Structures are given as structure tokens and as C-alpha cells.
Amino acid sequence: MRKVRLVAIASGLFWIAVAFGVLWVCARILSSVLPDWVPVMVAAAIGLFGVGSVLKGLFASNETLARVMKAGDHPDFQGFQNSGKQFDDAAKIEFARNIAEMLQMQKTMAGKSSIEDQTGCPKRKAIGYVYGYVDAALHSIGQDMADMSVGVPITYQVIRRLWPDRVNEYMDFIAKNMHSDELMNIGMMHGGQQFLDYHKPGVSDVPMGLARFMIEGD
């Protein structure tokens, strides 16, 4: 989200500069041709657009930014699609960071609700959702979760960014239960489906399955 905010701020400053440029050009060159109010109105409109972009970058919530820049519109994420580039360790880390940012927004929406139940184990639907979301994201760029050199490190990095103190325990829980736990499989299906549904062009809503599973539990 930090990169998105910086882009919005930079764009806003650019348009503010354009507004001042319009005023300067009109004052120096077109003052004898145009009424005084025309350049002022044009510059004001451009300047307000720029100010709005700067304010969005500074103060917009993560949810608002997510609606502007959905998973499929994320520039870093698009770079992996049909790029022909090797999916090396650096690319895997960057990809995992992008996915973790998408899931972090859902985690934030869950408020104080923990992903763990009263016994200290991860809620099975919630951790399954994360796995299914990562699986679908990998398939969308032509990668396979079943490839141990891809699925394991990507999942590890995503969980490490979301729950750094519990990443080893959660990875162990996934490995032990992903093929046998019905509730975890339900979460996996929801995670994968929500990635696909909200990745479609024109969809402006933000998936909230992880937040719901964290709040409601199993």
C-alpha cells in the first residue's frame, strides 16, 4: 500500500504543477485573448484534482486504496502475468509480498479478532482460506502450488508477513491437515474462489472471506 500512496501523491503534485503552468502561460501569452476568469477556472479544476489525489495518498484507508487498486490491477502483480521472466527467489519474495498485502487488508478488517482459537491453534477455515487464496494466485500466473520449490516458499513468506511469530506452527498445521480436515478444505475453496471472483476485470469490491472466518471462527 505504501507504493500506491506514493504514486497517488506524486500524481497529485504533478497536476498541481500543471495548474500553475496553465496560469503562467495564460498570464504571459494568452492574457490578451482570453478573459481573466477562463485560465483561473481551468487551473482551479486541475489543481483541485491534484489536491484530491494528494489527500487520497495521505489519508485514504487501506480499504479505499484496495478498491482503486484491486489484485488484478496491482502493477507489481501484473508484472508476473505472461512476462516470460524466470520465477526466481527474488520474484517469489516480491509475489508473496503482494499477496500478503492483499490479505493484510482483510486481516485489518477483522479488527481484534485473532486467527487462533481458544486452544491456540489456527482457525481451520481461516488458515485454509489463506492457502486457497495463495493457490489461486499462483495458478493465475501459470505457477503450481504442488511444485515444492514454489508452493512451500510462497506460502511460508505470505504467512510470515501476516503472522511472523507463528509462521512455523501454521505451516506445520497446514501440512498435517490440508488433506484431511473438512473445515480447512472449505476455507481453501472459499479462498481460491474469492481470489478468482474479485480478480475479474470491473470488480470493485474487496474480498472479506478471511476477515469473516477470523471473526466467526469454525
C-alpha atoms as a PDB file:
ATOM      1  CA  MET A   1       0.000   0.000   0.000  1.00  0.00           C
ATOM      2  CA  ARG A   2       2.941   2.387   0.607  1.00  0.00           C
ATOM      3  CA  LYS A   3       3.823   2.337  -3.085  1.00  0.00           C
ATOM      4  CA  VAL A   4       0.200   3.053  -4.040  1.00  0.00           C
ATOM      5  CA  ARG A   5       0.112   6.048  -1.691  1.00  0.00           C
ATOM      6  CA  LEU A   6       3.365   7.450  -3.099  1.00  0.00           C
ATOM      7  CA  VAL A   7       2.070   7.119  -6.656  1.00  0.00           C
ATOM      8  CA  ALA A   8      -1.137   8.976  -5.730  1.00  0.00           C
ATOM      9  CA  ILE A   9       0.805  11.767  -4.035  1.00  0.00           C
ATOM     10  CA  ALA A  10       3.249  12.112  -6.935  1.00  0.00           C
ATOM     11  CA  SER A  11       0.373  12.215  -9.418  1.00  0.00           C
ATOM     12  CA  GLY A  12      -1.389  14.891  -7.396  1.00  0.00           C
ATOM     13  CA  LEU A  13       1.731  17.077  -7.178  1.00  0.00           C
ATOM     14  CA  PHE A  14       2.186  16.747 -10.942  1.00  0.00           C
ATOM     15  CA  TRP A  15      -1.339  18.046 -11.623  1.00  0.00           C
ATOM     16  CA  ILE A  16      -0.902  20.893  -9.159  1.00  0.00           C
ATOM     17  CA  ALA A  17       2.242  21.888 -11.069  1.00  0.00           C
ATOM     18  CA  VAL A  18       0.266  21.712 -14.307  1.00  0.00           C
ATOM     19  CA  ALA A  19      -2.323  24.076 -12.828  1.00  0.00           C
ATOM     20  CA  PHE A  20       0.347  26.670 -12.030  1.00  0.00           C
ATOM     21  CA  GLY A  21       1.758  26.170 -15.525  1.00  0.00           C
ATOM     22  CA  VAL A  22      -1.626  26.959 -17.050  1.00  0.00           C
ATOM     23  CA  LEU A  23      -1.843  30.183 -15.055  1.00  0.00           C
ATOM     24  CA  TRP A  24       1.683  31.222 -16.098  1.00  0.00           C
ATOM     25  CA  VAL A  25       1.102  30.513 -19.802  1.00  0.00           C
ATOM     26  CA  CYS A  26      -2.204  32.354 -19.824  1.00  0.00           C
ATOM     27  CA  ALA A  27      -0.753  35.336 -17.964  1.00  0.00           C
ATOM     28  CA  ARG A  28       2.243  35.634 -20.275  1.00  0.00           C
ATOM     29  CA  ILE A  29       0.878  34.588 -23.660  1.00  0.00           C
ATOM     30  CA  LEU A  30      -2.899  34.452 -23.765  1.00  0.00           C
ATOM     31  CA  SER A  31      -3.851  37.345 -21.488  1.00  0.00           C
ATOM     32  CA  SER A  32      -4.942  39.477 -24.439  1.00  0.00           C
ATOM     33  CA  VAL A  33      -7.043  36.690 -25.954  1.00  0.00           C
ATOM     34  CA  LEU A  34      -8.870  35.032 -23.059  1.00  0.00           C
ATOM     35  CA  PRO A  35     -10.994  36.592 -20.323  1.00  0.00           C
ATOM     36  CA  ASP A  36      -9.238  36.580 -16.934  1.00  0.00           C
ATOM     37  CA  TRP A  37     -11.683  34.097 -15.414  1.00  0.00           C
ATOM     38  CA  VAL A  38     -11.054  31.332 -18.000  1.00  0.00           C
ATOM     39  CA  PRO A  39      -7.487  30.414 -17.009  1.00  0.00           C
ATOM     40  CA  VAL A  40      -8.390  30.762 -13.337  1.00  0.00           C
ATOM     41  CA  MET A  41     -11.265  28.275 -13.674  1.00  0.00           C
ATOM     42  CA  VAL A  42      -9.199  25.821 -15.703  1.00  0.00           C
ATOM     43  CA  ALA A  43      -6.281  25.992 -13.282  1.00  0.00           C
ATOM     44  CA  ALA A  44      -8.621  25.632 -10.304  1.00  0.00           C
ATOM     45  CA  ALA A  45     -10.187  22.486 -11.761  1.00  0.00           C
ATOM     46  CA  ILE A  46      -6.801  20.919 -12.472  1.00  0.00           C
ATOM     47  CA  GLY A  47      -5.449  21.986  -9.082  1.00  0.00           C
ATOM     48  CA  LEU A  48      -8.405  20.522  -7.200  1.00  0.00           C
ATOM     49  CA  PHE A  49      -7.895  17.216  -8.992  1.00  0.00           C
ATOM     50  CA  GLY A  50      -4.267  17.255  -7.910  1.00  0.00           C
ATOM     51  CA  VAL A  51      -5.110  18.150  -4.322  1.00  0.00           C
ATOM     52  CA  GLY A  52      -7.646  15.309  -4.205  1.00  0.00           C
ATOM     53  CA  SER A  53      -5.054  12.827  -5.384  1.00  0.00           C
ATOM     54  CA  VAL A  54      -2.545  14.020  -2.774  1.00  0.00           C
ATOM     55  CA  LEU A  55      -5.143  13.786   0.003  1.00  0.00           C
ATOM     56  CA  LYS A  56      -6.100  10.282  -1.113  1.00  0.00           C
ATOM     57  CA  GLY A  57      -2.467   9.211  -0.941  1.00  0.00           C
ATOM     58  CA  LEU A  58      -2.022  10.738   2.504  1.00  0.00           C
ATOM     59  CA  PHE A  59      -5.263   9.866   4.262  1.00  0.00           C
ATOM     60  CA  ALA A  60      -7.252   7.216   2.376  1.00  0.00           C
ATOM     61  CA  SER A  61      -7.849   3.969   4.221  1.00  0.00           C
ATOM     62  CA  ASN A  62      -6.324   0.722   3.022  1.00  0.00           C
ATOM     63  CA  GLU A  63      -9.824  -0.486   2.058  1.00  0.00           C
ATOM     64  CA  THR A  64     -10.337   2.575  -0.171  1.00  0.00           C
ATOM     65  CA  LEU A  65      -6.980   2.087  -1.841  1.00  0.00           C
ATOM     66  CA  ALA A  66      -7.805  -1.567  -2.348  1.00  0.00           C
ATOM     67  CA  ARG A  67     -10.925  -0.626  -4.278  1.00  0.00           C
ATOM     68  CA  VAL A  68      -8.838   1.634  -6.510  1.00  0.00           C
ATOM     69  CA  MET A  69      -6.078  -0.898  -7.000  1.00  0.00           C
ATOM     70  CA  LYS A  70      -7.503  -4.417  -6.888  1.00  0.00           C
ATOM     71  CA  ALA A  71      -5.390  -7.551  -7.063  1.00  0.00           C
ATOM     72  CA  GLY A  72      -5.558  -7.732 -10.818  1.00  0.00           C
ATOM     73  CA  ASP A  73      -4.707  -4.036 -11.203  1.00  0.00           C
ATOM     74  CA  HIS A  74      -1.687  -4.100  -8.904  1.00  0.00           C
ATOM     75  CA  PRO A  75       1.304  -3.134 -11.105  1.00  0.00           C
ATOM     76  CA  ASP A  76       3.733  -5.436  -9.315  1.00  0.00           C
ATOM     77  CA  PHE A  77       1.272  -8.322  -9.590  1.00  0.00           C
ATOM     78  CA  GLN A  78       0.640  -7.727 -13.285  1.00  0.00           C
ATOM     79  CA  GLY A  79       4.349  -7.964 -13.906  1.00  0.00           C
ATOM     80  CA  PHE A  80       4.236 -11.688 -13.207  1.00  0.00           C
ATOM     81  CA  GLN A  81       1.495 -12.398 -15.742  1.00  0.00           C
ATOM     82  CA  ASN A  82       2.749 -13.671 -19.080  1.00  0.00           C
ATOM     83  CA  SER A  83       6.014 -11.822 -18.507  1.00  0.00           C
ATOM     84  CA  GLY A  84       8.249 -14.674 -19.577  1.00  0.00           C
ATOM     85  CA  LYS A  85      10.569 -13.846 -16.702  1.00  0.00           C
ATOM     86  CA  GLN A  86      12.095 -16.565 -14.587  1.00  0.00           C
ATOM     87  CA  PHE A  87      10.234 -17.077 -11.318  1.00  0.00           C
ATOM     88  CA  ASP A  88      13.415 -16.909  -9.233  1.00  0.00           C
ATOM     89  CA  ASP A  89      13.804 -16.342  -5.484  1.00  0.00           C
ATOM     90  CA  ALA A  90      13.569 -12.558  -5.807  1.00  0.00           C
ATOM     91  CA  ALA A  91      10.390 -12.841  -7.886  1.00  0.00           C
ATOM     92  CA  LYS A  92       8.879 -15.278  -5.374  1.00  0.00           C
ATOM     93  CA  ILE A  93       9.547 -12.918  -2.478  1.00  0.00           C
ATOM     94  CA  GLU A  94       8.017  -9.993  -4.358  1.00  0.00           C
ATOM     95  CA  PHE A  95       4.993 -12.052  -5.358  1.00  0.00           C
ATOM     96  CA  ALA A  96       4.496 -13.235  -1.769  1.00  0.00           C
ATOM     97  CA  ARG A  97       4.700  -9.627  -0.567  1.00  0.00           C
ATOM     98  CA  ASN A  98       1.966  -8.569  -2.974  1.00  0.00           C
ATOM     99  CA  ILE A  99      -0.335 -11.413  -1.926  1.00  0.00           C
ATOM    100  CA  ALA A 100       0.343 -10.719   1.754  1.00  0.00           C
ATOM    101  CA  GLU A 101      -0.639  -7.070   1.231  1.00  0.00           C
ATOM    102  CA  MET A 102      -3.966  -8.148  -0.241  1.00  0.00           C
ATOM    103  CA  LEU A 103      -4.641 -10.473   2.692  1.00  0.00           C
ATOM    104  CA  GLN A 104      -3.399  -7.925   5.224  1.00  0.00           C
ATOM    105  CA  MET A 105      -6.310  -5.668   4.295  1.00  0.00           C
ATOM    106  CA  GLN A 106      -8.718  -8.448   5.228  1.00  0.00           C
ATOM    107  CA  LYS A 107      -6.817  -9.150   8.438  1.00  0.00           C
ATOM    108  CA  THR A 108      -7.090  -5.469   9.344  1.00  0.00           C
ATOM    109  CA  MET A 109     -10.846  -5.546   8.746  1.00  0.00           C
ATOM    110  CA  ALA A 110     -11.113  -8.384  11.280  1.00  0.00           C
ATOM    111  CA  GLY A 111     -10.131  -5.906  13.988  1.00  0.00           C
ATOM    112  CA  LYS A 112      -9.068  -7.532  17.232  1.00  0.00           C
ATOM    113  CA  SER A 113     -10.276 -10.978  16.178  1.00  0.00           C
ATOM    114  CA  SER A 114      -7.432 -13.476  16.169  1.00  0.00           C
ATOM    115  CA  ILE A 115      -6.809 -16.200  13.625  1.00  0.00           C
ATOM    116  CA  GLU A 116      -6.296 -18.558  16.578  1.00  0.00           C
ATOM    117  CA  ASP A 117      -8.989 -20.325  18.537  1.00  0.00           C
ATOM    118  CA  GLN A 118      -9.094 -20.739  22.301  1.00  0.00           C
ATOM    119  CA  THR A 119      -6.674 -23.677  22.159  1.00  0.00           C
ATOM    120  CA  GLY A 120      -4.000 -21.674  20.352  1.00  0.00           C
ATOM    121  CA  CYS A 121      -4.487 -23.446  17.023  1.00  0.00           C
ATOM    122  CA  PRO A 122      -5.266 -21.516  13.851  1.00  0.00           C
ATOM    123  CA  LYS A 123      -8.946 -21.367  12.951  1.00  0.00           C
ATOM    124  CA  ARG A 124      -9.168 -24.000  10.244  1.00  0.00           C
ATOM    125  CA  LYS A 125     -11.363 -22.129   7.780  1.00  0.00           C
ATOM    126  CA  ALA A 126      -9.215 -19.010   8.104  1.00  0.00           C
ATOM    127  CA  ILE A 127      -5.857 -20.700   7.553  1.00  0.00           C
ATOM    128  CA  GLY A 128      -7.411 -22.755   4.765  1.00  0.00           C
ATOM    129  CA  TYR A 129      -8.629 -19.530   3.151  1.00  0.00           C
ATOM    130  CA  VAL A 130      -5.067 -18.192   3.096  1.00  0.00           C
ATOM    131  CA  TYR A 131      -3.781 -21.377   1.486  1.00  0.00           C
ATOM    132  CA  GLY A 132      -6.542 -21.409  -1.133  1.00  0.00           C
ATOM    133  CA  TYR A 133      -6.029 -17.731  -1.928  1.00  0.00           C
ATOM    134  CA  VAL A 134      -2.299 -18.267  -2.490  1.00  0.00           C
ATOM    135  CA  ASP A 135      -3.006 -21.361  -4.593  1.00  0.00           C
ATOM    136  CA  ALA A 136      -5.370 -19.484  -6.910  1.00  0.00           C
ATOM    137  CA  ALA A 137      -2.981 -16.526  -7.162  1.00  0.00           C
ATOM    138  CA  LEU A 138      -0.170 -18.843  -8.253  1.00  0.00           C
ATOM    139  CA  HIS A 139      -2.369 -20.525 -10.857  1.00  0.00           C
ATOM    140  CA  SER A 140      -3.264 -17.102 -12.253  1.00  0.00           C
ATOM    141  CA  ILE A 141       0.376 -16.559 -13.251  1.00  0.00           C
ATOM    142  CA  GLY A 142       0.932 -20.089 -14.509  1.00  0.00           C
ATOM    143  CA  GLN A 143       2.606 -21.474 -11.383  1.00  0.00           C
ATOM    144  CA  ASP A 144       1.646 -24.630  -9.486  1.00  0.00           C
ATOM    145  CA  MET A 145       1.209 -24.828  -5.732  1.00  0.00           C
ATOM    146  CA  ALA A 146       2.100 -28.529  -5.943  1.00  0.00           C
ATOM    147  CA  ASP A 147       5.616 -27.594  -7.085  1.00  0.00           C
ATOM    148  CA  MET A 148       7.551 -27.785  -3.809  1.00  0.00           C
ATOM    149  CA  SER A 149      10.021 -25.150  -4.987  1.00  0.00           C
ATOM    150  CA  VAL A 150       7.132 -22.717  -5.483  1.00  0.00           C
ATOM    151  CA  GLY A 151       4.186 -23.533  -3.215  1.00  0.00           C
ATOM    152  CA  VAL A 152       6.057 -24.000   0.060  1.00  0.00           C
ATOM    153  CA  PRO A 153       8.276 -20.895  -0.029  1.00  0.00           C
ATOM    154  CA  ILE A 154       5.471 -18.645  -1.304  1.00  0.00           C
ATOM    155  CA  THR A 155       3.040 -19.827   1.377  1.00  0.00           C
ATOM    156  CA  TYR A 156       5.747 -19.503   4.032  1.00  0.00           C
ATOM    157  CA  GLN A 157       6.566 -15.943   3.027  1.00  0.00           C
ATOM    158  CA  VAL A 158       2.900 -14.904   2.918  1.00  0.00           C
ATOM    159  CA  ILE A 159       2.179 -16.308   6.386  1.00  0.00           C
ATOM    160  CA  ARG A 160       5.449 -14.902   7.747  1.00  0.00           C
ATOM    161  CA  ARG A 161       4.361 -11.410   6.721  1.00  0.00           C
ATOM    162  CA  LEU A 162       0.906 -11.827   8.267  1.00  0.00           C
ATOM    163  CA  TRP A 163       1.792 -13.731  11.449  1.00  0.00           C
ATOM    164  CA  PRO A 164       5.595 -13.619  11.812  1.00  0.00           C
ATOM    165  CA  ASP A 165       5.678 -15.113  15.301  1.00  0.00           C
ATOM    166  CA  ARG A 166       3.644 -18.183  14.353  1.00  0.00           C
ATOM    167  CA  VAL A 167       4.713 -18.964  10.810  1.00  0.00           C
ATOM    168  CA  ASN A 168       6.384 -22.308  11.619  1.00  0.00           C
ATOM    169  CA  GLU A 169       3.423 -23.543  13.659  1.00  0.00           C
ATOM    170  CA  TYR A 170       0.924 -22.532  10.972  1.00  0.00           C
ATOM    171  CA  MET A 171       2.952 -24.136   8.184  1.00  0.00           C
ATOM    172  CA  ASP A 172       3.115 -27.341  10.221  1.00  0.00           C
ATOM    173  CA  PHE A 173      -0.642 -27.176  10.845  1.00  0.00           C
ATOM    174  CA  ILE A 174      -1.320 -26.794   7.121  1.00  0.00           C
ATOM    175  CA  ALA A 175       0.949 -29.700   6.209  1.00  0.00           C
ATOM    176  CA  LYS A 176      -0.750 -32.008   8.716  1.00  0.00           C
ATOM    177  CA  ASN A 177      -4.361 -31.085   7.972  1.00  0.00           C
ATOM    178  CA  MET A 178      -4.740 -29.867   4.385  1.00  0.00           C
ATOM    179  CA  HIS A 179      -5.687 -33.291   3.000  1.00  0.00           C
ATOM    180  CA  SER A 180      -7.873 -34.488   5.853  1.00  0.00           C
ATOM    181  CA  ASP A 181      -9.589 -31.561   7.584  1.00  0.00           C
ATOM    182  CA  GLU A 182     -13.026 -30.793   6.150  1.00  0.00           C
ATOM    183  CA  LEU A 183     -13.277 -27.281   7.593  1.00  0.00           C
ATOM    184  CA  MET A 184      -9.833 -26.360   6.332  1.00  0.00           C
ATOM    185  CA  ASN A 185     -10.808 -27.578   2.872  1.00  0.00           C
ATOM    186  CA  ILE A 186     -13.929 -25.409   2.988  1.00  0.00           C
ATOM    187  CA  GLY A 187     -11.703 -22.438   3.747  1.00  0.00           C
ATOM    188  CA  MET A 188      -9.375 -23.377   0.890  1.00  0.00           C
ATOM    189  CA  MET A 189     -12.258 -23.456  -1.567  1.00  0.00           C
ATOM    190  CA  HIS A 190     -13.537 -20.074  -0.381  1.00  0.00           C
ATOM    191  CA  GLY A 191     -10.088 -18.521  -0.583  1.00  0.00           C
ATOM    192  CA  GLY A 192      -9.467 -19.763  -4.093  1.00  0.00           C
ATOM    193  CA  GLN A 193     -12.911 -18.796  -5.323  1.00  0.00           C
ATOM    194  CA  GLN A 194     -12.755 -15.320  -3.828  1.00  0.00           C
ATOM    195  CA  PHE A 195      -9.411 -14.652  -5.466  1.00  0.00           C
ATOM    196  CA  LEU A 196     -10.891 -15.626  -8.829  1.00  0.00           C
ATOM    197  CA  ASP A 197     -14.150 -13.705  -8.306  1.00  0.00           C
ATOM    198  CA  TYR A 198     -12.505 -10.465  -7.188  1.00  0.00           C
ATOM    199  CA  HIS A 199      -9.712 -10.718  -9.728  1.00  0.00           C
ATOM    200  CA  LYS A 200     -12.119 -10.273 -12.627  1.00  0.00           C
ATOM    201  CA  PRO A 201     -12.000  -7.017 -14.629  1.00  0.00           C
ATOM    202  CA  GLY A 202     -14.534  -4.458 -13.479  1.00  0.00           C
ATOM    203  CA  VAL A 203     -14.987  -5.871  -9.967  1.00  0.00           C
ATOM    204  CA  SER A 204     -14.557  -3.068  -7.437  1.00  0.00           C
ATOM    205  CA  ASP A 205     -15.450  -4.831  -4.185  1.00  0.00           C
ATOM    206  CA  VAL A 206     -12.876  -6.229  -1.793  1.00  0.00           C
ATOM    207  CA  PRO A 207     -12.989  -9.899  -0.659  1.00  0.00           C
ATOM    208  CA  MET A 208     -13.686 -10.316   3.040  1.00  0.00           C
ATOM    209  CA  GLY A 209     -13.673 -14.091   3.477  1.00  0.00           C
ATOM    210  CA  LEU A 210     -10.571 -14.164   5.667  1.00  0.00           C
ATOM    211  CA  ALA A 211     -11.924 -11.424   7.915  1.00  0.00           C
ATOM    212  CA  ARG A 212     -15.239 -13.288   8.256  1.00  0.00           C
ATOM    213  CA  PHE A 213     -13.566 -16.582   9.134  1.00  0.00           C
ATOM    214  CA  MET A 214     -11.332 -14.851  11.673  1.00  0.00           C
ATOM    215  CA  ILE A 215     -14.329 -13.171  13.314  1.00  0.00           C
ATOM    216  CA  GLU A 216     -16.788 -16.067  13.181  1.00  0.00           C
ATOM    217  CA  GLY A 217     -14.340 -18.925  13.738  1.00  0.00           C
ATOM    218  CA  ASP A 218     -15.074 -22.521  12.793  1.00  0.00           C
END
